[in-house]
């Protein structure tokens, strides 16, 4: 199981759209993915230790350097395949590089 953390400002709308999109697309690509959606302000170093990939809505200053790969997932929200594909490809590249599949 590949664990992804999606985050946005309120943790209610955008992060859930990113979560759903990543679970669906990565599933279509043959990966077993579980994503969680949270508020950016709630993220800490200990929380990130429970995930393989961090996908915030935009480049975010957490006050510390994430210990896991980070992929800016904001383009998923435009719902344009040409803009979302690079995000999905980046996530898949990390999955392959880390041997998570």
Protein backbone atom coordinates (compact mmCIF):
# COMPACT_ATOMS: atom_id res chain seq x y z
CA UNK A 1 0.00 0.00 0.00
CA UNK A 2 1.42 3.37 -1.07
CA UNK A 3 0.48 6.14 1.34
CA UNK A 4 0.08 9.70 0.08
CA UNK A 5 -0.69 12.83 2.08
CA UNK A 6 -2.63 15.56 0.26
CA UNK A 7 -2.89 19.01 1.84
CA UNK A 8 -4.53 22.37 1.28
CA UNK A 9 -5.32 25.43 3.35
CA UNK A 10 -8.59 24.24 4.87
CA UNK A 11 -8.18 20.49 4.40
CA UNK A 12 -11.76 20.29 3.16
CA UNK A 13 -12.11 20.77 -0.58
CA UNK A 14 -8.96 20.92 -2.69
CA UNK A 15 -7.02 18.33 -0.72
CA UNK A 16 -9.95 15.91 -1.03
CA UNK A 17 -10.10 16.49 -4.79
CA UNK A 18 -6.36 15.77 -5.01
CA UNK A 19 -6.78 12.69 -2.79
CA UNK A 20 -9.61 11.29 -4.91
CA UNK A 21 -7.85 12.03 -8.19
CA UNK A 22 -4.58 10.41 -7.07
CA UNK A 23 -6.30 7.29 -5.74
CA UNK A 24 -8.25 6.90 -8.98
CA UNK A 25 -5.40 7.61 -11.42
CA UNK A 26 -2.77 5.61 -9.57
CA UNK A 27 -5.30 2.77 -9.28
CA UNK A 28 -5.83 2.94 -13.04
CA UNK A 29 -2.06 2.68 -13.43
CA UNK A 30 -2.04 -0.49 -11.31
CA UNK A 31 -0.92 0.84 -7.93
CA UNK A 32 -2.60 0.32 -4.58
CA UNK A 33 -2.76 3.86 -3.17
CA UNK A 34 -4.34 5.25 -0.03
CA UNK A 35 -4.37 9.02 0.30
CA UNK A 36 -5.37 11.19 3.23
CA UNK A 37 -6.38 14.86 3.09
CA UNK A 38 -5.41 17.38 5.77
CA UNK A 39 -4.94 21.06 6.52
CA UNK A 40 -1.42 22.32 5.83
CA UNK A 41 -1.21 23.87 9.31
CA UNK A 42 -1.69 20.44 10.91
CA UNK A 43 1.31 18.85 9.22
CA UNK A 44 4.36 18.08 11.31
CA UNK A 45 7.48 15.97 10.87
CA UNK A 46 6.05 13.02 12.79
CA UNK A 47 2.92 12.97 10.63
CA UNK A 48 4.96 12.85 7.41
CA UNK A 49 6.83 9.76 8.66
CA UNK A 50 3.59 7.81 8.08
CA UNK A 51 3.50 8.59 4.34
CA UNK A 52 5.51 7.82 1.23
CA UNK A 53 4.69 10.97 -0.79
CA UNK A 54 3.46 14.46 0.13
CA UNK A 55 1.19 16.22 -2.40
CA UNK A 56 0.31 19.76 -1.29
CA UNK A 57 -1.85 22.06 -3.38
CA UNK A 58 1.18 24.34 -3.86
CA UNK A 59 4.77 24.78 -2.71
CA UNK A 60 4.37 25.21 1.02
CA UNK A 61 6.77 26.35 3.74
CA UNK A 62 6.13 23.91 6.57
CA UNK A 63 8.88 25.34 8.74
CA UNK A 64 10.92 22.16 8.24
CA UNK A 65 12.25 20.13 5.31
CA UNK A 66 9.95 17.19 4.48
CA UNK A 67 11.67 13.83 4.80
CA UNK A 68 9.59 12.35 1.94
CA UNK A 69 9.26 13.31 -1.73
CA UNK A 70 7.00 16.31 -2.42
CA UNK A 71 4.91 16.76 -5.58
CA UNK A 72 2.96 20.01 -6.15
CA UNK A 73 -0.49 18.63 -6.95
CA UNK A 74 -2.27 21.92 -7.64
CA UNK A 75 -2.54 21.33 -11.42
CA UNK A 76 -4.88 18.37 -10.74
CA UNK A 77 -7.51 20.91 -9.68
CA UNK A 78 -7.69 22.46 -13.15
CA UNK A 79 -9.28 19.19 -14.34
CA UNK A 80 -7.34 19.40 -17.56
CA UNK A 81 -5.65 16.10 -18.43
CA UNK A 82 -2.68 17.86 -20.02
CA UNK A 83 -2.01 19.72 -16.75
CA UNK A 84 -2.71 16.82 -14.38
CA UNK A 85 -0.67 14.20 -16.27
CA UNK A 86 2.73 15.62 -15.19
CA UNK A 87 1.61 15.39 -11.54
CA UNK A 88 0.51 11.77 -11.94
CA UNK A 89 3.73 10.99 -13.81
CA UNK A 90 5.83 12.55 -11.03
CA UNK A 91 4.01 10.50 -8.39
CA UNK A 92 4.46 7.34 -10.46
CA UNK A 93 8.17 8.10 -10.93
CA UNK A 94 8.62 8.35 -7.16
CA UNK A 95 6.71 5.10 -6.65
CA UNK A 96 9.03 3.33 -9.09
CA UNK A 97 12.23 4.95 -7.77
CA UNK A 98 11.38 4.06 -4.16
CA UNK A 99 10.28 0.54 -5.12
CA UNK A 100 6.86 1.07 -3.56
CA UNK A 101 4.89 -0.87 -6.14
